[in-house]
């Protein structure tokens, strides 16, 4: 018998039909449940893995947001200290602030600038972002004005107004940021995430 005759579709179909007719229904029902349980098991495993991955990603995002906001808080505290030192120097009649002086303490904006391109920006509450944006915009204008002149009545007045703005910023935005950090820390600790 030739190979073509052995592999002909008609012959194969006839043999398959004869085998199906002889098989009992228990075999087919058993195979149906095996296939069904396999598909169901794969679906449930994939669903559980997806839920675990989503939870892991959410916790990782919260942890990253916590570290970024902590760094922002530290940067803001540093800059407020620098601003207060500048204001004190103007009030005491010392030399004015110079951006070019390498011996003076200058404000840092690294974390704030980095946050602008970070996914943590989208998870930071809008009140905090608006408060920091307005404060940095105002402080940038004040520092620009103060760096051009030494202590005069005008610059001392500007420094006093800046001091009022700093106090307002501490009482509103910094407190919001600290409250947000504390609640985020409690959530992460409740999920047994170690924080440094």
Protein backbone atom coordinates (compact mmCIF):
# COMPACT_ATOMS: atom_id res chain seq x y z
CA UNK A 1 0.00 0.00 0.00
CA UNK A 2 1.32 3.37 -0.90
CA UNK A 3 1.90 6.22 1.52
CA UNK A 4 -0.71 8.37 -0.22
CA UNK A 5 -3.35 5.72 0.30
CA UNK A 6 -2.46 5.39 4.00
CA UNK A 7 -2.62 9.15 4.61
CA UNK A 8 -5.65 9.87 2.44
CA UNK A 9 -8.23 12.07 4.20
CA UNK A 10 -11.06 9.66 3.47
CA UNK A 11 -9.27 6.75 5.09
CA UNK A 12 -8.27 8.80 8.17
CA UNK A 13 -11.83 10.10 8.58
CA UNK A 14 -13.26 6.57 8.33
CA UNK A 15 -10.86 5.26 10.99
CA UNK A 16 -11.61 8.20 13.35
CA UNK A 17 -15.36 7.68 12.90
CA UNK A 18 -15.01 3.99 13.75
CA UNK A 19 -13.04 4.77 16.92
CA UNK A 20 -15.50 7.42 18.13
CA UNK A 21 -18.41 5.10 17.62
CA UNK A 22 -16.76 2.41 19.73
CA UNK A 23 -15.75 4.75 22.60
CA UNK A 24 -18.06 5.03 25.56
CA UNK A 25 -19.55 8.30 26.76
CA UNK A 26 -17.78 8.10 30.11
CA UNK A 27 -14.50 8.67 28.32
CA UNK A 28 -15.79 11.81 26.60
CA UNK A 29 -17.40 13.20 29.73
CA UNK A 30 -14.21 12.55 31.70
CA UNK A 31 -12.10 14.32 29.05
CA UNK A 32 -14.53 17.25 29.00
CA UNK A 33 -14.12 17.73 32.77
CA UNK A 34 -10.34 17.41 32.51
CA UNK A 35 -10.22 20.14 29.85
CA UNK A 36 -12.74 22.31 31.73
CA UNK A 37 -10.87 22.01 35.04
CA UNK A 38 -7.55 22.79 33.32
CA UNK A 39 -8.95 25.93 31.70
CA UNK A 40 -10.60 26.99 34.97
CA UNK A 41 -7.39 26.36 36.94
CA UNK A 42 -5.31 28.40 34.50
CA UNK A 43 -7.85 31.24 34.65
CA UNK A 44 -7.93 31.29 38.46
CA UNK A 45 -4.13 31.15 38.70
CA UNK A 46 -3.77 34.00 36.20
CA UNK A 47 -6.39 36.06 38.03
CA UNK A 48 -4.65 35.54 41.38
CA UNK A 49 -1.28 36.43 39.85
CA UNK A 50 -2.74 39.59 38.33
CA UNK A 51 -4.22 40.68 41.67
CA UNK A 52 -0.90 40.04 43.41
CA UNK A 53 0.97 42.01 40.75
CA UNK A 54 -1.44 44.94 41.06
CA UNK A 55 -1.13 44.97 44.86
CA UNK A 56 2.67 44.76 44.61
CA UNK A 57 2.77 47.66 42.14
CA UNK A 58 0.48 49.78 44.33
CA UNK A 59 2.65 49.19 47.42
CA UNK A 60 5.83 49.90 45.44
CA UNK A 61 4.34 53.16 44.12
CA UNK A 62 3.31 54.18 47.67
CA UNK A 63 6.80 53.41 48.99
CA UNK A 64 8.44 55.39 46.17
CA UNK A 65 6.03 58.29 46.76
CA UNK A 66 6.87 58.23 50.45
CA UNK A 67 10.60 58.50 49.78
CA UNK A 68 10.15 61.27 47.19
CA UNK A 69 7.88 63.30 49.48
CA UNK A 70 10.30 62.81 52.39
CA UNK A 71 13.12 64.12 50.20
CA UNK A 72 10.94 67.06 49.12
CA UNK A 73 10.15 67.80 52.78
CA UNK A 74 13.86 67.75 53.65
CA UNK A 75 14.70 70.01 50.70
CA UNK A 76 11.96 72.46 51.70
CA UNK A 77 13.22 72.56 55.30
CA UNK A 78 16.76 73.23 54.05
CA UNK A 79 15.56 76.00 51.73
CA UNK A 80 13.41 77.60 54.44
CA UNK A 81 16.51 77.66 56.67
CA UNK A 82 18.47 79.35 53.86
CA UNK A 83 15.69 81.89 53.26
CA UNK A 84 15.44 82.67 56.98
CA UNK A 85 19.20 83.21 57.15
CA UNK A 86 19.02 85.60 54.19
CA UNK A 87 16.14 87.50 55.83
CA UNK A 88 18.06 87.71 59.13
CA UNK A 89 21.13 89.10 57.34
CA UNK A 90 19.04 91.82 55.67
CA UNK A 91 17.36 92.73 58.95
CA UNK A 92 20.75 92.90 60.69
CA UNK A 93 22.12 95.14 57.92
CA UNK A 94 24.75 92.61 56.81
CA UNK A 95 25.81 92.33 53.20
CA UNK A 96 23.17 91.35 50.68
CA UNK A 97 22.57 87.92 49.22
CA UNK A 98 24.69 87.02 46.21
CA UNK A 99 23.87 84.08 43.96
CA UNK A 100 27.48 83.98 42.77
CA UNK A 101 29.07 83.73 46.20
CA UNK A 102 30.33 80.22 46.75
CA UNK A 103 30.61 80.85 50.49
CA UNK A 104 26.92 81.49 51.02
CA UNK A 105 24.32 78.85 51.69
CA UNK A 106 22.05 78.61 48.62
CA UNK A 107 18.60 77.08 48.13
CA UNK A 108 18.49 73.64 46.51
CA UNK A 109 15.87 72.63 43.96
CA UNK A 110 17.09 69.18 42.89
CA UNK A 111 14.22 67.14 44.36
CA UNK A 112 11.59 69.61 43.18
CA UNK A 113 12.97 69.59 39.63
CA UNK A 114 13.29 65.79 39.65
CA UNK A 115 9.73 65.41 40.92
CA UNK A 116 8.42 67.15 37.80
CA UNK A 117 9.42 64.14 35.67
CA UNK A 118 8.63 61.47 38.28
CA UNK A 119 5.52 59.27 38.44
CA UNK A 120 5.32 60.25 42.13
CA UNK A 121 4.17 63.71 41.00
CA UNK A 122 0.80 62.23 39.99
CA UNK A 123 0.30 60.64 43.41
CA UNK A 124 1.16 63.78 45.37
CA UNK A 125 -1.92 65.67 46.61
CA UNK A 126 -2.69 68.76 44.55
CA UNK A 127 -2.83 71.08 47.59
CA UNK A 128 0.78 70.24 48.38
CA UNK A 129 1.92 70.68 44.79
CA UNK A 130 0.11 74.01 44.44
CA UNK A 131 1.52 75.26 47.76
CA UNK A 132 5.10 74.32 46.88
CA UNK A 133 4.78 75.73 43.34
CA UNK A 134 3.49 79.08 44.61
CA UNK A 135 6.07 79.25 47.37
CA UNK A 136 8.99 78.51 45.05
CA UNK A 137 7.68 80.97 42.46
CA UNK A 138 7.39 83.69 45.12
CA UNK A 139 10.74 82.87 46.71
CA UNK A 140 12.45 82.86 43.30
CA UNK A 141 11.21 86.40 42.63
CA UNK A 142 12.23 87.59 46.11
CA UNK A 143 15.71 86.03 45.91
CA UNK A 144 16.16 87.59 42.46
CA UNK A 145 15.30 91.04 43.87
CA UNK A 146 17.42 90.62 46.99
CA UNK A 147 20.44 89.34 45.09
CA UNK A 148 20.61 92.57 43.08
CA UNK A 149 20.78 94.94 46.07
CA UNK A 150 22.24 95.13 49.50
CA UNK A 151 20.28 95.98 52.67
CA UNK A 152 18.10 99.03 52.08
CA UNK A 153 14.66 100.01 53.36
CA UNK A 154 13.10 98.41 50.27
CA UNK A 155 14.97 95.13 50.58
CA UNK A 156 14.31 94.93 54.32
CA UNK A 157 10.59 95.45 53.60
CA UNK A 158 10.74 92.69 50.94
CA UNK A 159 12.57 90.43 53.41
CA UNK A 160 9.89 91.04 56.07
CA UNK A 161 7.10 90.20 53.60
CA UNK A 162 9.04 87.09 52.62
CA UNK A 163 9.25 86.10 56.27
CA UNK A 164 5.45 86.35 56.53
CA UNK A 165 5.11 84.17 53.43
CA UNK A 166 7.46 81.58 54.96
CA UNK A 167 5.42 81.45 58.18
CA UNK A 168 2.21 81.01 56.17
CA UNK A 169 3.86 78.27 54.07
CA UNK A 170 5.02 76.42 57.20
CA UNK A 171 1.55 76.59 58.77
CA UNK A 172 -0.30 75.38 55.67
CA UNK A 173 1.68 73.45 53.05
CA UNK A 174 4.41 72.03 55.29
CA UNK A 175 1.80 70.79 57.79
CA UNK A 176 -0.17 69.19 54.93
CA UNK A 177 2.99 67.50 53.67
CA UNK A 178 3.90 66.25 57.15
CA UNK A 179 0.37 64.93 57.72
CA UNK A 180 0.45 63.21 54.32
CA UNK A 181 3.83 61.64 55.08
CA UNK A 182 2.63 60.35 58.46
CA UNK A 183 -0.51 58.77 57.01
CA UNK A 184 1.48 57.22 54.13
CA UNK A 185 4.01 55.86 56.60
CA UNK A 186 1.24 54.29 58.70
CA UNK A 187 -0.28 52.64 55.59
CA UNK A 188 3.08 51.19 54.56
CA UNK A 189 3.86 49.94 58.07
CA UNK A 190 0.39 48.32 58.20
CA UNK A 191 1.33 46.45 55.02
CA UNK A 192 4.59 45.40 56.70
CA UNK A 193 6.84 47.46 54.42
CA UNK A 194 10.15 48.40 56.03
CA UNK A 195 11.05 52.06 55.70
CA UNK A 196 14.48 53.56 56.16
